[in-house]
């Protein structure tokens, strides 16, 4: 069904279907490794277990996206908007996060961050509620 929808709606310059650059896009369990997704609006999208390994997401709007267990190893998140994004159990090791906005982004102990927990709190990130009780 997906190839038919892609045929019907057309493709963007980056090779993705035209409907991918919209809010509330369902991209769960999709492999977008190595794609150039710079500047796309993927806010409020479902990206559960999506493979974004080495993807270029520079300036992308990922605010309030559900990115639980997402692979972001080596991704370029420079100046990306990740406000309120659910990053529980996500892997951001080696990701470029210069100028990225992480205010109110949710993480937990299983989240692999390219910086320390102290820096995560300084950037405005929020620890998962069940783990906040354990830290006290």
N, C-alpha and C. Protein backbone atom coordinates (compact mmCIF):
# COMPACT_ATOMS: atom_id res chain seq x y z
N UNK A 1 0.82 -1.20 0.00
CA UNK A 1 0.00 0.00 0.00
C UNK A 1 0.87 1.27 0.00
N UNK A 2 1.97 1.24 0.76
CA UNK A 2 2.84 2.42 0.84
C UNK A 2 3.42 2.82 -0.52
N UNK A 3 3.91 1.88 -1.34
CA UNK A 3 4.40 2.30 -2.67
C UNK A 3 3.32 2.95 -3.52
N UNK A 4 2.09 2.48 -3.41
CA UNK A 4 0.99 3.08 -4.16
C UNK A 4 0.72 4.51 -3.69
N UNK A 5 0.72 4.72 -2.36
CA UNK A 5 0.51 6.06 -1.81
C UNK A 5 1.63 6.99 -2.25
N UNK A 6 2.87 6.49 -2.23
CA UNK A 6 4.01 7.29 -2.67
C UNK A 6 3.89 7.64 -4.15
N UNK A 7 3.46 6.68 -4.96
CA UNK A 7 3.25 6.94 -6.38
C UNK A 7 2.18 8.01 -6.57
N UNK A 8 1.12 7.94 -5.78
CA UNK A 8 0.00 8.86 -5.90
C UNK A 8 0.36 10.27 -5.43
N UNK A 9 1.11 10.38 -4.33
CA UNK A 9 1.41 11.69 -3.74
C UNK A 9 2.68 12.32 -4.28
N UNK A 10 3.59 11.53 -4.82
CA UNK A 10 4.84 12.06 -5.35
C UNK A 10 5.96 12.04 -4.33
N UNK A 11 7.15 12.47 -4.75
CA UNK A 11 8.32 12.46 -3.89
C UNK A 11 8.93 13.85 -3.79
N UNK A 12 9.70 14.04 -2.68
CA UNK A 12 10.45 15.27 -2.48
C UNK A 12 11.84 15.10 -3.07
N UNK A 13 12.65 16.15 -3.01
CA UNK A 13 14.03 16.08 -3.52
C UNK A 13 14.87 15.08 -2.73
N UNK A 14 14.55 14.87 -1.43
CA UNK A 14 15.33 13.94 -0.62
C UNK A 14 14.89 12.49 -0.81
N UNK A 15 13.94 12.22 -1.67
CA UNK A 15 13.51 10.86 -1.96
C UNK A 15 12.34 10.38 -1.13
N UNK A 16 11.92 11.16 -0.13
CA UNK A 16 10.80 10.75 0.71
C UNK A 16 9.47 11.18 0.08
N UNK A 17 8.39 10.48 0.41
CA UNK A 17 7.08 10.90 -0.08
C UNK A 17 6.73 12.30 0.41
N UNK A 18 5.88 13.01 -0.29
CA UNK A 18 5.54 14.39 0.07
C UNK A 18 4.82 14.49 1.41
N UNK A 19 4.11 13.46 1.82
CA UNK A 19 3.36 13.52 3.08
C UNK A 19 4.25 13.43 4.31
N UNK A 20 5.55 13.16 4.17
CA UNK A 20 6.45 13.04 5.32
C UNK A 20 6.72 14.40 5.96
N UNK A 21 6.65 15.49 5.23
CA UNK A 21 6.96 16.82 5.76
C UNK A 21 5.73 17.47 6.39
N UNK A 22 5.03 16.75 7.24
CA UNK A 22 3.83 17.28 7.87
C UNK A 22 3.82 16.88 9.34
N UNK A 23 3.07 17.64 10.14
CA UNK A 23 2.89 17.27 11.54
C UNK A 23 2.14 15.94 11.62
N UNK A 24 2.31 15.26 12.75
CA UNK A 24 1.60 14.02 13.04
C UNK A 24 1.88 12.90 12.04
N UNK A 25 3.05 12.88 11.45
CA UNK A 25 3.42 11.83 10.51
C UNK A 25 3.73 10.55 11.28
N UNK A 26 3.29 9.41 10.80
CA UNK A 26 3.55 8.14 11.45
C UNK A 26 4.74 7.47 10.76
N UNK A 27 5.90 7.51 11.43
CA UNK A 27 7.12 6.92 10.88
C UNK A 27 7.68 5.85 11.81
N UNK A 28 6.84 5.20 12.59
CA UNK A 28 7.30 4.20 13.54
C UNK A 28 7.98 3.04 12.83
N UNK A 29 9.10 2.56 13.40
CA UNK A 29 9.85 1.41 12.91
C UNK A 29 10.30 1.59 11.45
N UNK A 30 10.65 2.80 11.07
CA UNK A 30 11.09 3.11 9.71
C UNK A 30 12.59 3.32 9.70
N UNK A 31 13.26 2.94 8.64
CA UNK A 31 14.69 3.19 8.52
C UNK A 31 14.91 4.38 7.60
N UNK A 32 15.38 5.48 8.20
CA UNK A 32 15.71 6.69 7.45
C UNK A 32 17.19 7.01 7.63
N UNK A 33 17.99 5.98 7.83
CA UNK A 33 19.42 6.14 8.07
C UNK A 33 20.10 6.79 6.87
N UNK A 34 20.86 7.85 7.14
CA UNK A 34 21.62 8.52 6.11
C UNK A 34 20.83 9.49 5.24
N UNK A 35 19.54 9.63 5.46
CA UNK A 35 18.74 10.55 4.66
C UNK A 35 19.03 12.01 5.02
N UNK A 36 18.87 12.90 4.06
CA UNK A 36 19.01 14.34 4.30
C UNK A 36 17.61 14.87 4.59
N UNK A 37 17.33 15.12 5.87
CA UNK A 37 16.02 15.56 6.32
C UNK A 37 16.08 16.96 6.92
N UNK A 38 17.06 17.74 6.51
CA UNK A 38 17.28 19.08 7.07
C UNK A 38 16.08 19.98 6.83
N UNK A 39 15.64 20.64 7.90
CA UNK A 39 14.57 21.62 7.81
C UNK A 39 13.16 21.06 7.73
N UNK A 40 12.99 19.75 7.83
CA UNK A 40 11.64 19.17 7.75
C UNK A 40 10.84 19.46 9.02
N UNK A 41 9.54 19.53 8.89
CA UNK A 41 8.65 19.69 10.02
C UNK A 41 8.09 18.33 10.39
N UNK A 42 8.65 17.72 11.43
CA UNK A 42 8.20 16.41 11.90
C UNK A 42 7.66 16.51 13.33
N UNK A 43 7.13 17.68 13.68
CA UNK A 43 6.62 17.86 15.04
C UNK A 43 5.41 16.96 15.27
N UNK A 44 5.30 16.48 16.49
CA UNK A 44 4.21 15.60 16.92
C UNK A 44 4.13 14.31 16.11
N UNK A 45 5.24 13.89 15.54
CA UNK A 45 5.28 12.66 14.74
C UNK A 45 5.60 11.46 15.61
N UNK A 46 5.12 10.30 15.20
CA UNK A 46 5.41 9.05 15.89
C UNK A 46 6.63 8.42 15.21
N UNK A 47 7.77 8.43 15.92
CA UNK A 47 8.99 7.86 15.38
C UNK A 47 9.54 6.79 16.32
N UNK A 48 8.66 5.97 16.88
CA UNK A 48 9.04 4.89 17.78
C UNK A 48 9.94 3.89 17.04
N UNK A 49 11.11 3.62 17.59
CA UNK A 49 12.08 2.68 17.02
C UNK A 49 12.50 3.02 15.58
N UNK A 50 12.48 4.28 15.23
CA UNK A 50 12.91 4.70 13.89
C UNK A 50 14.43 4.77 13.83
N UNK A 51 15.01 4.30 12.76
CA UNK A 51 16.46 4.33 12.58
C UNK A 51 16.84 5.61 11.84
N UNK A 52 17.41 6.57 12.58
CA UNK A 52 17.87 7.83 11.99
C UNK A 52 19.39 7.93 12.10
N UNK A 53 20.06 6.79 12.02
CA UNK A 53 21.51 6.71 12.12
C UNK A 53 22.16 7.54 11.01
N UNK A 54 23.01 8.51 11.39
CA UNK A 54 23.73 9.40 10.46
C UNK A 54 22.80 10.25 9.58
N UNK A 55 21.55 10.44 10.00
CA UNK A 55 20.63 11.28 9.23
C UNK A 55 20.94 12.75 9.46
N UNK A 56 20.74 13.56 8.45
CA UNK A 56 20.97 15.00 8.55
C UNK A 56 19.64 15.67 8.90
N UNK A 57 19.48 16.03 10.18
CA UNK A 57 18.26 16.67 10.67
C UNK A 57 18.53 18.12 11.07
N UNK A 58 19.48 18.75 10.42
CA UNK A 58 19.85 20.12 10.76
C UNK A 58 18.66 21.06 10.58
N UNK A 59 18.30 21.76 11.66
CA UNK A 59 17.20 22.72 11.61
C UNK A 59 15.82 22.09 11.52
N UNK A 60 15.71 20.78 11.69
CA UNK A 60 14.41 20.11 11.61
C UNK A 60 13.58 20.41 12.86
N UNK A 61 12.27 20.45 12.69
CA UNK A 61 11.36 20.66 13.81
C UNK A 61 10.87 19.30 14.28
N UNK A 62 11.39 18.84 15.41
CA UNK A 62 11.01 17.56 16.00
C UNK A 62 10.31 17.77 17.33
N UNK A 63 9.70 18.94 17.52
CA UNK A 63 9.09 19.26 18.81
C UNK A 63 7.92 18.32 19.10
N UNK A 64 7.87 17.85 20.32
CA UNK A 64 6.82 16.98 20.84
C UNK A 64 6.68 15.68 20.04
N UNK A 65 7.74 15.25 19.38
CA UNK A 65 7.73 13.98 18.65
C UNK A 65 7.92 12.82 19.63
N UNK A 66 7.36 11.67 19.30
CA UNK A 66 7.51 10.47 20.11
C UNK A 66 8.67 9.68 19.52
N UNK A 67 9.86 9.82 20.14
CA UNK A 67 11.07 9.20 19.60
C UNK A 67 11.63 8.16 20.56
N UNK A 68 10.76 7.41 21.21
CA UNK A 68 11.21 6.39 22.15
C UNK A 68 11.94 5.28 21.39
N UNK A 69 13.08 4.87 21.93
CA UNK A 69 13.93 3.82 21.37
C UNK A 69 14.42 4.14 19.95
N UNK A 70 14.51 5.41 19.61
CA UNK A 70 14.97 5.83 18.29
C UNK A 70 16.49 5.83 18.22
N UNK A 71 17.04 5.38 17.12
CA UNK A 71 18.48 5.35 16.91
C UNK A 71 18.90 6.64 16.22
N UNK A 72 19.58 7.52 16.97
CA UNK A 72 20.08 8.79 16.43
C UNK A 72 21.60 8.84 16.47
N UNK A 73 22.26 7.68 16.40
CA UNK A 73 23.73 7.63 16.45
C UNK A 73 24.32 8.41 15.29
N UNK A 74 25.17 9.37 15.61
CA UNK A 74 25.87 10.13 14.59
C UNK A 74 24.99 11.07 13.78
N UNK A 75 23.75 11.29 14.20
CA UNK A 75 22.85 12.17 13.46
C UNK A 75 23.26 13.63 13.64
N UNK A 76 22.99 14.44 12.64
CA UNK A 76 23.28 15.87 12.71
C UNK A 76 22.02 16.58 13.18
N UNK A 77 21.98 16.96 14.47
CA UNK A 77 20.84 17.65 15.05
C UNK A 77 21.15 19.12 15.30
N UNK A 78 22.09 19.68 14.58
CA UNK A 78 22.47 21.07 14.74
C UNK A 78 21.27 21.98 14.51
N UNK A 79 20.99 22.84 15.47
CA UNK A 79 19.88 23.81 15.43
C UNK A 79 18.52 23.16 15.26
N UNK A 80 18.38 21.88 15.63
CA UNK A 80 17.09 21.20 15.55
C UNK A 80 16.24 21.58 16.76
N UNK A 81 14.94 21.57 16.59
CA UNK A 81 14.00 21.87 17.66
C UNK A 81 13.48 20.56 18.23
N UNK A 82 13.93 20.22 19.45
CA UNK A 82 13.51 18.99 20.11
C UNK A 82 12.73 19.31 21.39
N UNK A 83 12.03 20.43 21.43
CA UNK A 83 11.27 20.83 22.62
C UNK A 83 10.19 19.80 22.91
N UNK A 84 10.17 19.31 24.14
CA UNK A 84 9.13 18.39 24.57
C UNK A 84 9.17 17.02 23.92
N UNK A 85 10.24 16.69 23.24
CA UNK A 85 10.35 15.40 22.56
C UNK A 85 10.56 14.28 23.56
N UNK A 86 9.91 13.14 23.34
CA UNK A 86 10.07 11.97 24.19
C UNK A 86 11.28 11.19 23.70
N UNK A 87 12.39 11.27 24.44
CA UNK A 87 13.63 10.60 24.06
C UNK A 87 13.95 9.43 24.99
N UNK A 88 12.95 8.81 25.59
CA UNK A 88 13.19 7.67 26.48
C UNK A 88 13.83 6.53 25.69
N UNK A 89 14.92 6.00 26.23
CA UNK A 89 15.65 4.87 25.66
C UNK A 89 16.21 5.15 24.26
N UNK A 90 16.30 6.41 23.86
CA UNK A 90 16.87 6.77 22.55
C UNK A 90 18.39 6.76 22.64
N UNK A 91 19.04 6.55 21.52
CA UNK A 91 20.50 6.53 21.47
C UNK A 91 20.99 7.72 20.64
N UNK A 92 21.55 8.72 21.33
CA UNK A 92 22.06 9.92 20.67
C UNK A 92 23.58 9.95 20.69
N UNK A 93 24.23 8.81 20.87
CA UNK A 93 25.70 8.78 20.95
C UNK A 93 26.31 9.26 19.64
N UNK A 94 27.24 10.18 19.75
CA UNK A 94 27.92 10.72 18.58
C UNK A 94 27.12 11.72 17.77
N UNK A 95 25.93 12.08 18.25
CA UNK A 95 25.10 13.05 17.53
C UNK A 95 25.65 14.46 17.69
N UNK A 96 25.55 15.26 16.64
CA UNK A 96 25.96 16.66 16.70
C UNK A 96 24.75 17.47 17.17
N UNK A 97 24.88 18.10 18.34
CA UNK A 97 23.74 18.79 18.94
C UNK A 97 24.01 20.28 19.16
N UNK A 98 24.92 20.87 18.40
CA UNK A 98 25.25 22.29 18.55
C UNK A 98 24.03 23.15 18.24
N UNK A 99 23.60 23.93 19.21
CA UNK A 99 22.47 24.84 19.01
C UNK A 99 21.11 24.18 19.00
N UNK A 100 21.05 22.88 19.32
CA UNK A 100 19.76 22.18 19.35
C UNK A 100 18.99 22.58 20.61
N UNK A 101 17.68 22.68 20.49
CA UNK A 101 16.81 23.07 21.60
C UNK A 101 16.22 21.81 22.23
N UNK A 102 16.56 21.55 23.51
CA UNK A 102 16.10 20.36 24.21
C UNK A 102 15.16 20.69 25.37
N UNK A 103 14.62 21.90 25.43
CA UNK A 103 13.80 22.30 26.57
C UNK A 103 12.59 21.38 26.71
N UNK A 104 12.41 20.83 27.91
CA UNK A 104 11.31 19.93 28.28
C UNK A 104 11.35 18.59 27.54
N UNK A 105 12.46 18.26 26.88
CA UNK A 105 12.60 16.93 26.27
C UNK A 105 12.74 15.91 27.40
N UNK A 106 12.06 14.79 27.28
CA UNK A 106 12.03 13.78 28.34
C UNK A 106 13.07 12.70 28.05
N UNK A 107 13.87 12.36 29.06
CA UNK A 107 14.83 11.27 28.93
C UNK A 107 14.77 10.40 30.18
N UNK A 108 15.40 9.22 30.12
CA UNK A 108 15.47 8.35 31.29
C UNK A 108 16.87 7.75 31.39
N UNK A 109 17.07 6.83 32.31
CA UNK A 109 18.38 6.24 32.53
C UNK A 109 18.90 5.45 31.33
N UNK A 110 18.00 4.95 30.50
CA UNK A 110 18.40 4.16 29.33
C UNK A 110 18.70 5.04 28.11
N UNK A 111 18.47 6.34 28.22
CA UNK A 111 18.76 7.25 27.11
C UNK A 111 20.26 7.51 27.04
N UNK A 112 20.85 7.30 25.88
CA UNK A 112 22.29 7.55 25.69
C UNK A 112 22.42 8.96 25.11
N UNK A 113 22.98 9.87 25.92
CA UNK A 113 23.12 11.26 25.50
C UNK A 113 24.57 11.57 25.14
N UNK A 114 24.81 12.53 24.23
CA UNK A 114 26.18 12.91 23.87
C UNK A 114 26.80 13.88 24.88
N UNK A 115 26.12 14.11 25.99
CA UNK A 115 26.61 15.00 27.04
C UNK A 115 26.18 14.44 28.39
N UNK A 116 26.65 15.05 29.47
CA UNK A 116 26.36 14.55 30.82
C UNK A 116 24.93 14.86 31.24
N UNK A 117 24.49 14.19 32.31
CA UNK A 117 23.16 14.46 32.85
C UNK A 117 23.04 15.89 33.34
N UNK A 118 24.13 16.40 33.94
CA UNK A 118 24.11 17.77 34.44
C UNK A 118 23.88 18.75 33.29
N UNK A 119 24.54 18.50 32.17
CA UNK A 119 24.34 19.37 31.01
C UNK A 119 22.93 19.21 30.46
N UNK A 120 22.38 17.99 30.55
CA UNK A 120 21.00 17.77 30.10
C UNK A 120 20.03 18.62 30.91
N UNK A 121 20.23 18.66 32.23
CA UNK A 121 19.37 19.49 33.07
C UNK A 121 19.58 20.97 32.77
N UNK A 122 20.83 21.36 32.49
CA UNK A 122 21.13 22.76 32.15
C UNK A 122 20.46 23.16 30.83
N UNK A 123 20.30 22.20 29.92
CA UNK A 123 19.63 22.47 28.64
C UNK A 123 18.11 22.47 28.78
N UNK A 124 17.60 22.16 29.96
CA UNK A 124 16.16 22.17 30.20
C UNK A 124 15.48 20.84 30.00
N UNK A 125 16.26 19.75 29.89
CA UNK A 125 15.67 18.43 29.71
C UNK A 125 15.05 17.96 31.02
N UNK A 126 14.09 17.06 30.93
CA UNK A 126 13.35 16.58 32.08
C UNK A 126 13.57 15.08 32.23
N UNK A 127 13.89 14.65 33.45
CA UNK A 127 14.05 13.23 33.74
C UNK A 127 12.68 12.59 33.89
N UNK A 128 12.53 11.36 33.42
CA UNK A 128 11.26 10.65 33.52
C UNK A 128 10.77 10.63 34.96
N UNK A 129 9.48 10.81 35.17
CA UNK A 129 8.92 10.98 36.51
C UNK A 129 9.22 9.81 37.44
N UNK A 130 9.15 8.58 36.95
CA UNK A 130 9.41 7.42 37.81
C UNK A 130 10.85 7.40 38.30
N UNK A 131 11.78 7.92 37.50
CA UNK A 131 13.18 7.95 37.90
C UNK A 131 13.50 9.14 38.80
N UNK A 132 12.71 10.21 38.73
CA UNK A 132 12.93 11.36 39.60
C UNK A 132 12.77 10.97 41.06
N UNK A 133 11.83 10.07 41.33
CA UNK A 133 11.60 9.61 42.69
C UNK A 133 12.78 8.80 43.20
N UNK A 134 13.45 8.07 42.30
CA UNK A 134 14.60 7.25 42.69
C UNK A 134 15.84 8.09 42.95
N UNK A 135 15.97 9.23 42.28
CA UNK A 135 17.16 10.08 42.40
C UNK A 135 17.20 10.78 43.74
N UNK A 136 16.06 11.15 44.27
CA UNK A 136 16.00 11.88 45.54
C UNK A 136 16.55 11.06 46.62
